[in-house]
Every structure is written in structure tokens, then in C-alpha cells.
Amino acid sequence: MTAGLDPGRTETELRYALIAAHGCDIAMLTVEAMLNDTSATGSSARFLANGAPLPMGARPVVVADATVHGAVRVEQMLRLWPSDLPRPCLITVSDAPSGQPSAARYRIRALGARLAGTARVPYLPILRTVTDPADAMTHKDVIAAAVKLRRHLEGL
């Protein structure tokens, strides 16, 4: 959770401040690489350290697995979200080829008023075989999902 805005720090290149709702795995780390579009200037993202302030101008983005546990962790985080910070976007990362469990979908839908918007990263089987996010970004399915994700976040 972020502690507040950091007015003394100006990171104009940081567009998305990613916040893990719970631990990180390769799929969640790949979201950071997906949002770091090398062809566009000023389009970068990074995970914030636990308790780190939100840099000025950065859009807060909560990243969670598309599971019931992930949805519960998002709900817990949003209960503690400071009112002086902008509402975060939520990116859920699918961990299976099936859709998000209904209990998770309903919980996220109920949290809609506390979120600036939601986006979903589909299940990408290649993530089970790569050693790091940079390797993942060389696969066409991951690149296509990254383009969709960036477009979707721009529309929010």
C-alpha cells in the first residue's frame, strides 16, 4: 500500500505505479514489462516497494491474480486506500485458461466504485516456461496482450 503522494519526487517518465495486491509471480511481473512500451516515450511502469509513496503524476495500478484470493486481497487493500490518493486501476492476471471464478468476478464488480477501471490479462501459457519477464516479451501472444492492455489503460 502506498503511504501517500511524494511531492518532492518528480518522475515524469513514470506513468504507472504498480502495487501488488499480494505476492508477485512471473505473470504479475510480466505486467510491468507489458506496460513498459519501449516505442513510446513516457510510458513506463514499475512496482512500488511496500509502503512507498505514490510518485506525483503516476497512475496507481493494483495488480492481482484473477482468483478469489486475489479479489479478497484487492478488497482488503481498497478498504485501507487513502482518500487523498487517486482511485487505482485494477489489472487482474489470469492463472488458468478458464474464466475468472464467479465469486472473484462478483467481488471485483462490487468494488467498481472504488476503482478507476479494470483490465484483464488473459492466461498466457508461455509464462509457465520463461525464466523472466524479458523472455516473455519476445513471444507474440505476450506482445499482443501487452498492446491490448496498454490501449485499454489509455482508455480509462
Protein backbone atom coordinates (compact mmCIF):
# COMPACT_ATOMS: atom_id res chain seq x y z
CA MET A 1 0.00 0.00 0.00
CA THR A 2 1.26 3.44 -0.79
CA ALA A 3 1.85 5.85 2.05
CA GLY A 4 0.79 8.98 0.19
CA LEU A 5 1.89 11.32 -2.56
CA ASP A 6 5.56 12.21 -2.80
CA PRO A 7 5.61 15.86 -3.94
CA GLY A 8 9.40 16.11 -3.73
CA ARG A 9 9.90 13.42 -6.32
CA THR A 10 9.15 14.20 -9.93
CA GLU A 11 9.28 11.11 -12.08
CA THR A 12 7.67 12.35 -15.25
CA GLU A 13 8.67 9.15 -17.04
CA LEU A 14 6.80 7.00 -14.52
CA ARG A 15 3.30 6.65 -15.87
CA TYR A 16 2.02 3.64 -13.89
CA ALA A 17 2.85 2.95 -10.26
CA LEU A 18 2.15 -0.76 -9.86
CA ILE A 19 1.07 -2.12 -6.50
CA ALA A 20 0.93 -5.87 -5.89
CA ALA A 21 -2.25 -6.86 -4.05
CA HIS A 22 -0.44 -9.96 -2.82
CA GLY A 23 2.88 -11.67 -3.62
CA CYS A 24 4.37 -11.49 -7.11
CA ASP A 25 4.78 -14.28 -9.61
CA ILE A 26 6.10 -14.30 -13.18
CA ALA A 27 2.71 -13.34 -14.64
CA MET A 28 2.37 -10.31 -12.38
CA LEU A 29 5.96 -9.25 -13.05
CA THR A 30 5.28 -9.53 -16.76
CA VAL A 31 2.57 -6.86 -16.39
CA GLU A 32 5.35 -4.39 -15.59
CA ALA A 33 7.19 -5.37 -18.77
CA MET A 34 3.94 -5.19 -20.75
CA LEU A 35 3.34 -1.60 -19.66
CA ASN A 36 6.92 -0.52 -20.35
CA ASP A 37 6.37 0.22 -24.01
CA THR A 38 9.80 0.93 -25.48
CA SER A 39 8.37 2.55 -28.62
CA ALA A 40 6.61 5.35 -26.71
CA THR A 41 8.26 7.97 -24.53
CA GLY A 42 6.95 8.47 -21.04
CA SER A 43 5.16 5.14 -20.96
CA SER A 44 6.82 3.28 -18.14
CA ALA A 45 5.74 1.33 -15.11
CA ARG A 46 7.32 -0.16 -12.04
CA PHE A 47 6.21 -1.91 -8.89
CA LEU A 48 6.39 0.26 -5.79
CA ALA A 49 8.02 -1.07 -2.66
CA ASN A 50 5.63 -1.80 0.20
CA GLY A 51 4.75 1.49 1.91
CA ALA A 52 6.47 3.63 -0.75
CA PRO A 53 4.77 6.93 -1.60
CA LEU A 54 2.99 7.33 -4.90
CA PRO A 55 5.16 9.47 -7.22
CA MET A 56 3.48 12.65 -8.48
CA GLY A 57 1.86 12.16 -11.86
CA ALA A 58 1.92 8.36 -11.69
CA ARG A 59 -1.34 6.49 -12.02
CA PRO A 60 -1.82 3.87 -9.26
CA VAL A 61 -2.47 0.39 -10.65
CA VAL A 62 -3.20 -2.59 -8.40
CA VAL A 63 -2.14 -5.93 -9.89
CA ALA A 64 -3.71 -9.17 -8.64
CA ASP A 65 -4.30 -12.74 -9.71
CA ALA A 66 -7.74 -13.43 -11.17
CA THR A 67 -8.62 -15.70 -8.25
CA VAL A 68 -10.94 -15.38 -5.27
CA HIS A 69 -7.88 -14.89 -3.06
CA GLY A 70 -6.68 -12.10 -5.36
CA ALA A 71 -10.09 -10.40 -5.22
CA VAL A 72 -10.18 -10.63 -1.42
CA ARG A 73 -6.71 -9.06 -1.21
CA VAL A 74 -7.81 -6.24 -3.54
CA GLU A 75 -10.85 -5.63 -1.35
CA GLN A 76 -8.67 -5.50 1.77
CA MET A 77 -6.32 -3.06 0.10
CA LEU A 78 -9.12 -0.78 -1.08
CA ARG A 79 -10.60 -0.64 2.42
CA LEU A 80 -7.34 0.98 3.55
CA TRP A 81 -6.85 3.14 0.44
CA PRO A 82 -6.19 6.77 1.48
CA SER A 83 -8.91 9.15 0.34
CA ASP A 84 -6.34 11.75 -0.75
CA LEU A 85 -4.90 9.39 -3.39
CA PRO A 86 -6.48 8.89 -6.82
CA ARG A 87 -8.60 5.79 -7.24
CA PRO A 88 -6.45 2.97 -8.60
CA CYS A 89 -6.99 0.91 -11.72
CA LEU A 90 -7.07 -2.84 -11.27
CA ILE A 91 -5.33 -5.36 -13.51
CA THR A 92 -6.23 -8.99 -12.93
CA VAL A 93 -3.91 -11.65 -14.33
CA SER A 94 -5.49 -14.97 -15.33
CA ASP A 95 -3.73 -18.02 -13.96
CA ALA A 96 -5.74 -20.62 -15.88
CA PRO A 97 -7.30 -20.97 -19.33
CA SER A 98 -10.80 -20.85 -17.81
CA GLY A 99 -12.53 -17.62 -16.91
CA GLN A 100 -12.32 -15.82 -13.59
CA PRO A 101 -14.27 -17.61 -10.82
CA SER A 102 -17.72 -16.13 -10.31
CA ALA A 103 -17.01 -15.24 -6.65
CA ALA A 104 -13.99 -13.21 -7.77
CA ARG A 105 -15.94 -11.51 -10.59
CA TYR A 106 -18.76 -10.51 -8.25
CA ARG A 107 -16.37 -9.18 -5.62
CA ILE A 108 -14.48 -7.08 -8.19
CA ARG A 109 -17.76 -5.80 -9.64
CA ALA A 110 -18.88 -4.75 -6.15
CA LEU A 111 -15.62 -2.80 -5.74
CA GLY A 112 -16.19 -0.93 -9.01
CA ALA A 113 -16.96 2.42 -7.39
CA ARG A 114 -13.60 2.36 -5.59
CA LEU A 115 -11.67 1.72 -8.81
CA ALA A 116 -10.87 3.98 -11.74
CA GLY A 117 -11.30 0.97 -14.01
CA THR A 118 -10.33 -2.63 -14.53
CA ALA A 119 -8.31 -4.54 -17.09
CA ARG A 120 -7.62 -8.22 -17.54
CA VAL A 121 -4.52 -10.02 -18.76
CA PRO A 122 -5.53 -13.34 -20.32
CA TYR A 123 -3.96 -16.66 -19.47
CA LEU A 124 -0.65 -16.85 -21.32
CA PRO A 125 0.69 -20.43 -21.25
CA ILE A 126 4.15 -19.28 -22.32
CA LEU A 127 4.60 -17.68 -18.89
CA ARG A 128 4.94 -21.17 -17.42
CA THR A 129 8.11 -21.75 -19.45
CA VAL A 130 10.07 -18.48 -19.28
CA THR A 131 12.70 -17.54 -16.73
CA ASP A 132 11.94 -13.82 -16.53
CA PRO A 133 9.58 -11.17 -17.94
CA ALA A 134 12.09 -10.09 -20.60
CA ASP A 135 11.94 -13.60 -22.07
CA ALA A 136 8.15 -13.43 -22.06
CA MET A 137 8.15 -10.19 -24.07
CA THR A 138 9.70 -11.98 -27.05
CA HIS A 139 6.57 -14.11 -27.63
CA LYS A 140 3.86 -12.88 -29.98
CA ASP A 141 0.96 -13.73 -27.62
CA VAL A 142 2.51 -11.70 -24.81
CA ILE A 143 3.26 -8.79 -27.15
CA ALA A 144 -0.34 -8.82 -28.42
CA ALA A 145 -1.69 -8.91 -24.85
CA ALA A 146 0.63 -6.03 -23.92
CA VAL A 147 -0.66 -3.88 -26.78
CA LYS A 148 -4.27 -4.59 -25.74
CA LEU A 149 -3.50 -3.85 -22.09
CA ARG A 150 -1.82 -0.51 -22.85
CA ARG A 151 -4.70 0.51 -25.15
CA HIS A 152 -7.26 -0.43 -22.52
CA LEU A 153 -5.50 1.52 -19.75
CA GLU A 154 -5.22 4.57 -22.01
CA GLY A 155 -8.99 4.49 -22.44
CA LEU A 156 -9.68 4.52 -18.70
